[in-house]
Amino acid sequence: MSISYDTVKTWLRKAYLAAAGALRTTKGRNVLLYLLFVCVAFVFWVLMSLDSEVQRTYDVPLQIDNLPDSVTLITEVPANVSATVQGKGSQLVRFLWGKPSPLRIPFDRTAAADGVFALPAMKLEARLRDYFGNGVQILNTRPDSIAIVFTTEPGHRLPLIIDADISTSLQSVQSGFPEANVDSVTVYTRGSIPPSLRAIHTELLSRSDLKDTTRYDVKVVAPAGMRVIPDHVIVTVPVEPLIAKKRQVEIEAALLPDGTRMLMFPASVEVSYLVPMSRYSEDYPIRAFVNYPEAAHSRTGKVEVQLGPIPGRAYSISHSHDIVEFVIDHEHN
């Protein structure tokens, strides 16, 4: 249902006339006057707030600039510096709305000693003072200083191992091992990598009751004093539904002596089982049998039907007759 332009225009005109008529009444003029005083009071409040001293805490994004291609940071750079500042409201008004711009710190390799780029408390405070502007006092910062370990050594490629604890729903099955979008990662460190470090592991991916193939963003665990790139990988856990399948299987007699026959009633059983959807068309050889020695000692004329091991991936296996009647026939030469 579409609304025409003329209909909207008519509604707006009616609303305008109704509002204009209401403002001509005594009650309408009183409401308008009240709103005017509220606006004037708000303006005075804003002006007084801008002229008064305030204390606020800001999370300032931190960014390292001018990083050479040959330098790899091993220590994780803090995402933010929490700064508590004091100043006039007019000096801090530009930080009230929107996302604050990052505090840019240029990487100075000449100032770095022993593979550590350090920004002491005094230098960090000076940077923040320039960031907020003159007249604003820096009362507290967290962290109060910054020290970033870096290396110029090339990285070492190591295989990635996925640590996972996965379980599926009753009607699904895990159809393969979890796989990451990369099979190896690059490890950076100062000095050499210990010979005992032969692979890098992910954090434990623990999920239950999965019903379908799912992808997860998983963190890669970096050994102490090292950095791993990439530090996150996409892990795919293959899961597929189970489909019910049935087959009619003839019952065999196991351990039957020569010259002896056994007739079972019924002569076959219906075997039901679940298979992964991708393997539904595969043939699963199934063997149903009864043990002759057990039947020979039976006093009821009944014997238990057993199923042989089913190769392949079959689940929830059952058969229609657990016990069958039998007749033993001894052949005579």
Protein backbone atom coordinates (compact mmCIF):
# COMPACT_ATOMS: atom_id res chain seq x y z
CA MET A 1 0.00 0.00 0.00
CA SER A 2 1.58 3.29 -1.15
CA ILE A 3 0.79 6.76 0.21
CA SER A 4 0.58 9.54 -2.34
CA TYR A 5 2.35 12.88 -2.04
CA ASP A 6 -0.97 14.74 -1.86
CA THR A 7 -2.11 12.62 1.09
CA VAL A 8 1.08 13.36 3.04
CA LYS A 9 0.79 17.05 2.20
CA THR A 10 -2.80 17.09 3.48
CA TRP A 11 -1.80 15.40 6.76
CA LEU A 12 1.04 17.85 7.33
CA ARG A 13 -1.24 20.81 6.63
CA LYS A 14 -3.84 19.51 9.10
CA ALA A 15 -1.14 18.98 11.75
CA TYR A 16 0.21 22.49 11.17
CA LEU A 17 -3.24 24.07 11.46
CA ALA A 18 -3.98 22.08 14.63
CA ALA A 19 -0.67 23.15 16.24
CA ALA A 20 -1.18 26.79 15.20
CA GLY A 21 -4.69 26.73 16.62
CA ALA A 22 -3.47 25.25 19.90
CA LEU A 23 -0.79 27.92 20.30
CA ARG A 24 -3.40 30.68 19.97
CA THR A 25 -5.11 29.48 23.12
CA THR A 26 -4.04 30.56 26.62
CA LYS A 27 -2.92 27.04 27.50
CA GLY A 28 -0.90 26.74 24.30
CA ARG A 29 0.88 30.06 24.92
CA ASN A 30 1.73 28.95 28.47
CA VAL A 31 3.28 25.70 27.15
CA LEU A 32 5.29 27.61 24.55
CA LEU A 33 6.56 30.02 27.18
CA TYR A 34 7.54 27.12 29.45
CA LEU A 35 9.52 25.49 26.65
CA LEU A 36 11.28 28.76 25.91
CA PHE A 37 12.40 29.08 29.54
CA VAL A 38 13.63 25.47 29.49
CA CYS A 39 15.75 26.21 26.39
CA VAL A 40 17.20 29.36 27.97
CA ALA A 41 18.04 27.46 31.18
CA PHE A 42 19.73 24.72 29.13
CA VAL A 43 21.87 27.27 27.29
CA PHE A 44 22.96 28.86 30.60
CA TRP A 45 23.75 25.42 32.04
CA VAL A 46 25.92 24.58 29.02
CA LEU A 47 27.80 27.89 29.29
CA MET A 48 28.45 27.39 33.01
CA SER A 49 29.60 23.80 32.42
CA LEU A 50 32.06 24.88 29.76
CA ASP A 51 33.59 27.43 32.13
CA SER A 52 33.87 25.15 35.18
CA GLU A 53 36.65 22.69 36.05
CA VAL A 54 35.80 19.07 35.31
CA GLN A 55 37.57 15.76 35.79
CA ARG A 56 37.04 12.92 33.33
CA THR A 57 38.62 9.64 32.29
CA TYR A 58 39.14 8.83 28.61
CA ASP A 59 40.27 5.66 26.83
CA VAL A 60 42.66 7.01 24.22
CA PRO A 61 43.47 4.63 21.32
CA LEU A 62 47.20 4.02 20.95
CA GLN A 63 48.94 3.67 17.60
CA ILE A 64 52.63 3.11 16.76
CA ASP A 65 53.62 4.94 13.56
CA ASN A 66 56.63 4.77 11.21
CA LEU A 67 57.29 1.10 11.93
CA PRO A 68 59.99 -0.21 9.53
CA ASP A 69 59.24 -3.34 7.52
CA SER A 70 62.24 -5.07 9.08
CA VAL A 71 60.88 -4.61 12.61
CA THR A 72 58.34 -6.99 14.14
CA LEU A 73 56.76 -6.09 17.47
CA ILE A 74 56.76 -9.04 19.86
CA THR A 75 55.00 -7.38 22.79
CA GLU A 76 51.36 -6.61 22.13
CA VAL A 77 50.77 -2.87 21.94
CA PRO A 78 48.06 -1.71 24.42
CA ALA A 79 44.88 -0.94 22.53
CA ASN A 80 44.14 2.08 24.75
CA VAL A 81 45.71 4.31 27.33
CA SER A 82 43.27 5.20 30.11
CA ALA A 83 43.92 8.83 31.06
CA THR A 84 42.25 10.78 33.89
CA VAL A 85 42.46 14.50 33.12
CA GLN A 86 41.27 17.76 34.64
CA GLY A 87 40.48 20.96 32.80
CA LYS A 88 37.74 23.38 31.83
CA GLY A 89 34.71 21.98 30.08
CA SER A 90 35.46 24.14 27.04
CA GLN A 91 38.87 22.47 26.71
CA LEU A 92 37.41 18.94 26.81
CA VAL A 93 34.19 19.52 24.88
CA ARG A 94 35.67 18.05 21.67
CA PHE A 95 36.12 14.70 23.44
CA LEU A 96 32.46 14.40 24.51
CA TRP A 97 31.11 13.01 21.24
CA GLY A 98 32.37 10.51 18.73
CA LYS A 99 35.34 8.18 18.85
CA PRO A 100 38.57 9.87 19.99
CA SER A 101 41.41 10.03 17.49
CA PRO A 102 44.41 7.76 18.23
CA LEU A 103 47.46 8.91 20.15
CA ARG A 104 50.17 8.44 17.50
CA ILE A 105 53.62 7.55 18.77
CA PRO A 106 56.36 7.38 16.12
CA PHE A 107 58.71 4.41 16.37
CA ASP A 108 62.22 5.72 17.03
CA ARG A 109 64.74 2.95 16.52
CA THR A 110 67.59 5.15 17.73
CA ALA A 111 65.82 5.54 21.08
CA ALA A 112 65.26 1.79 21.42
CA ALA A 113 67.82 -0.10 23.48
CA ASP A 114 68.42 -3.86 23.53
CA GLY A 115 65.38 -4.56 21.37
CA VAL A 116 62.95 -2.63 23.60
CA PHE A 117 61.11 0.48 22.50
CA ALA A 118 60.28 2.28 25.75
CA LEU A 119 58.08 5.26 26.53
CA PRO A 120 58.67 6.24 30.19
CA ALA A 121 55.96 7.81 32.32
CA MET A 122 57.21 11.38 31.79
CA LYS A 123 57.29 11.04 28.00
CA LEU A 124 53.89 9.36 27.90
CA GLU A 125 52.43 12.15 30.05
CA ALA A 126 53.96 14.76 27.75
CA ARG A 127 52.42 13.04 24.73
CA LEU A 128 49.03 13.03 26.42
CA ARG A 129 49.37 16.69 27.39
CA ASP A 130 49.96 17.56 23.74
CA TYR A 131 47.03 15.33 22.80
CA PHE A 132 44.51 17.03 25.14
CA GLY A 133 45.94 20.53 24.76
CA ASN A 134 47.61 23.13 26.97
CA GLY A 135 45.92 23.83 30.28
CA VAL A 136 44.68 20.27 30.77
CA GLN A 137 46.27 18.43 33.68
CA ILE A 138 47.09 14.72 33.38
CA LEU A 139 46.16 13.25 36.78
CA ASN A 140 46.64 9.56 36.11
CA THR A 141 47.41 7.14 33.27
CA ARG A 142 47.03 3.39 32.98
CA PRO A 143 49.44 1.98 31.99
CA ASP A 144 51.78 4.66 33.32
CA SER A 145 54.55 3.67 30.89
CA ILE A 146 54.99 1.58 27.76
CA ALA A 147 57.71 -0.93 26.89
CA ILE A 148 57.48 -2.84 23.62
CA VAL A 149 59.86 -5.68 22.75
CA PHE A 150 60.71 -5.97 19.06
CA THR A 151 63.00 -7.98 16.78
CA THR A 152 64.59 -7.59 13.38
CA GLU A 153 65.22 -11.33 13.01
CA PRO A 154 63.28 -13.24 10.34
CA GLY A 155 60.40 -15.43 11.46
CA HIS A 156 60.40 -19.23 11.69
CA ARG A 157 57.62 -21.29 10.13
CA LEU A 158 56.12 -23.94 12.42
CA PRO A 159 53.16 -26.30 11.92
CA LEU A 160 49.88 -25.43 13.60
CA ILE A 161 48.06 -27.98 15.79
CA ILE A 162 44.37 -27.49 16.58
CA ASP A 163 43.38 -28.38 20.13
CA ALA A 164 39.68 -29.24 20.10
CA ASP A 165 37.09 -31.03 22.21
CA ILE A 166 34.05 -31.51 19.96
CA SER A 167 30.82 -33.43 20.45
CA THR A 168 27.78 -33.52 18.20
CA SER A 169 24.05 -34.01 18.69
CA LEU A 170 22.59 -37.51 18.66
CA GLN A 171 21.43 -37.13 15.06
CA SER A 172 24.76 -35.78 13.74
CA VAL A 173 28.34 -36.96 13.45
CA GLN A 174 31.72 -35.29 13.07
CA SER A 175 32.74 -36.17 9.50
CA GLY A 176 36.41 -35.24 9.78
CA PHE A 177 39.10 -33.56 11.84
CA PRO A 178 38.85 -29.81 12.53
CA GLU A 179 40.87 -27.85 9.96
CA ALA A 180 42.29 -24.33 10.09
CA ASN A 181 42.55 -21.95 7.15
CA VAL A 182 46.36 -22.22 7.48
CA ASP A 183 48.48 -25.25 8.30
CA SER A 184 51.44 -23.31 9.73
CA VAL A 185 52.28 -19.98 11.35
CA THR A 186 55.30 -17.69 11.57
CA VAL A 187 56.99 -17.33 14.95
CA TYR A 188 59.08 -14.26 15.84
CA THR A 189 61.38 -13.98 18.84
CA ARG A 190 64.61 -12.38 19.98
CA GLY A 191 67.35 -14.89 19.48
CA SER A 192 66.77 -18.46 18.40
CA ILE A 193 63.76 -20.74 18.85
CA PRO A 194 64.29 -23.62 21.32
CA PRO A 195 64.76 -26.99 19.57
CA SER A 196 61.98 -28.44 21.73
CA LEU A 197 59.43 -26.10 20.13
CA ARG A 198 58.30 -28.02 17.08
CA ALA A 199 54.69 -26.85 16.69
CA ILE A 200 52.29 -24.12 17.77
CA HIS A 201 48.89 -24.88 19.30
CA THR A 202 45.58 -23.08 19.26
CA GLU A 203 43.51 -22.38 22.31
CA LEU A 204 41.22 -25.27 23.23
CA LEU A 205 38.10 -25.17 21.07
CA SER A 206 35.39 -26.81 23.16
CA ARG A 207 31.92 -27.16 21.62
CA SER A 208 29.03 -29.56 22.17
CA ASP A 209 25.72 -30.51 20.55
CA LEU A 210 26.84 -29.45 17.07
CA LYS A 211 24.35 -30.18 14.29
CA ASP A 212 26.05 -28.75 11.22
CA THR A 213 29.47 -27.74 9.89
CA THR A 214 30.56 -24.62 11.78
CA ARG A 215 33.48 -22.18 11.56
CA TYR A 216 35.09 -20.55 14.58
CA ASP A 217 37.62 -17.77 15.10
CA VAL A 218 40.24 -19.32 17.38
CA LYS A 219 43.23 -17.67 19.01
CA VAL A 220 46.71 -19.08 18.44
CA VAL A 221 48.72 -19.50 21.64
CA ALA A 222 52.07 -17.72 21.43
CA PRO A 223 54.86 -19.10 23.67
CA ALA A 224 56.23 -16.70 26.27
CA GLY A 225 58.48 -14.04 24.76
CA MET A 226 57.34 -14.82 21.19
CA ARG A 227 54.85 -13.52 18.68
CA VAL A 228 52.86 -15.65 16.27
CA ILE A 229 51.46 -14.41 12.96
CA PRO A 230 48.61 -14.92 12.34
CA ASP A 231 47.45 -14.83 15.95
CA HIS A 232 43.92 -15.95 15.04
CA VAL A 233 42.79 -18.64 12.60
CA ILE A 234 39.45 -19.81 11.23
CA VAL A 235 38.79 -23.41 12.28
CA THR A 236 36.19 -25.45 10.41
CA VAL A 237 34.53 -28.33 12.26
CA PRO A 238 32.90 -30.66 9.69
CA VAL A 239 29.59 -32.07 10.93
CA GLU A 240 26.85 -33.78 8.95
CA PRO A 241 23.48 -35.33 9.81
CA LEU A 242 22.91 -39.05 10.24
CA ILE A 243 20.41 -40.77 7.93
CA ALA A 244 18.43 -43.90 8.88
CA LYS A 245 19.05 -46.96 6.72
CA LYS A 246 17.57 -50.48 6.78
CA ARG A 247 18.56 -53.83 5.27
CA GLN A 248 17.12 -57.32 5.27
CA VAL A 249 19.88 -59.79 6.27
CA GLU A 250 19.71 -63.60 6.21
CA ILE A 251 20.65 -65.34 9.46
CA GLU A 252 23.64 -67.68 9.29
CA ALA A 253 24.63 -70.51 11.63
CA ALA A 254 28.11 -70.12 13.08
CA LEU A 255 30.34 -72.98 14.30
CA LEU A 256 28.10 -75.49 12.56
CA PRO A 257 29.57 -79.06 12.50
CA ASP A 258 29.88 -80.92 9.22
CA GLY A 259 26.74 -82.77 8.23
CA THR A 260 24.48 -80.49 10.27
CA ARG A 261 21.98 -77.87 9.14
CA MET A 262 20.05 -75.25 11.05
CA LEU A 263 16.82 -73.68 9.93
CA MET A 264 15.82 -70.40 11.58
CA PHE A 265 12.32 -68.97 11.88
CA PRO A 266 12.27 -66.23 10.70
CA ALA A 267 15.19 -66.83 8.36
CA SER A 268 16.17 -63.17 8.19
CA VAL A 269 16.19 -60.01 10.31
CA GLU A 270 15.78 -56.35 9.44
CA VAL A 271 18.86 -54.38 10.51
CA SER A 272 18.45 -50.64 11.15
CA TYR A 273 21.34 -48.22 11.54
CA LEU A 274 22.38 -44.60 11.00
CA VAL A 275 25.01 -43.50 8.49
CA PRO A 276 26.44 -40.07 7.56
CA MET A 277 24.53 -38.42 4.74
CA SER A 278 27.59 -38.41 2.46
CA ARG A 279 27.91 -42.23 2.82
CA TYR A 280 24.28 -43.19 2.43
CA SER A 281 24.86 -44.82 -0.97
CA GLU A 282 27.78 -46.96 0.27
CA ASP A 283 27.25 -50.68 0.79
CA TYR A 284 27.71 -51.83 4.37
CA PRO A 285 28.31 -55.61 4.56
CA ILE A 286 26.27 -56.84 7.50
CA ARG A 287 26.33 -60.37 8.98
CA ALA A 288 23.61 -61.78 11.23
CA PHE A 289 24.25 -65.16 12.85
CA VAL A 290 23.40 -67.58 15.64
CA ASN A 291 25.89 -69.80 17.48
CA TYR A 292 25.30 -73.51 16.99
CA PRO A 293 26.78 -74.52 20.39
CA GLU A 294 24.36 -72.17 22.12
CA ALA A 295 21.45 -73.56 20.12
CA ALA A 296 22.48 -77.17 20.82
CA HIS A 297 22.17 -76.55 24.57
CA SER A 298 18.92 -74.58 24.35
CA ARG A 299 15.87 -76.19 25.97
CA THR A 300 13.39 -73.69 24.57
CA GLY A 301 14.08 -74.13 20.87
CA LYS A 302 15.13 -70.48 20.68
CA VAL A 303 18.51 -68.85 20.22
CA GLU A 304 19.87 -65.28 20.29
CA VAL A 305 20.66 -63.50 17.02
CA GLN A 306 23.93 -61.61 16.94
CA LEU A 307 25.36 -59.08 14.53
CA GLY A 308 28.92 -59.13 13.30
CA PRO A 309 31.05 -55.98 13.28
CA ILE A 310 29.96 -53.50 10.61
CA PRO A 311 32.85 -51.89 8.76
CA GLY A 312 32.61 -48.19 8.01
CA ARG A 313 30.78 -45.52 9.97
CA ALA A 314 27.47 -46.90 11.18
CA TYR A 315 25.74 -45.89 14.41
CA SER A 316 22.78 -46.94 16.59
CA ILE A 317 22.67 -50.44 15.09
CA SER A 318 19.67 -52.63 15.94
CA HIS A 319 17.79 -55.60 14.44
CA SER A 320 14.15 -56.63 14.37
CA HIS A 321 14.42 -60.07 16.06
CA ASP A 322 16.73 -60.61 19.04
CA ILE A 323 15.68 -64.25 19.38
CA VAL A 324 14.54 -66.72 16.72
CA GLU A 325 13.27 -70.27 16.76
CA PHE A 326 15.34 -72.97 15.09
CA VAL A 327 15.42 -76.57 13.94
CA ILE A 328 18.61 -78.63 13.78
CA ASP A 329 18.84 -81.21 11.01
CA HIS A 330 21.57 -83.85 11.15
CA GLU A 331 22.29 -85.15 7.67
CA HIS A 332 22.95 -88.90 7.27
CA ASN A 333 25.13 -90.40 4.55
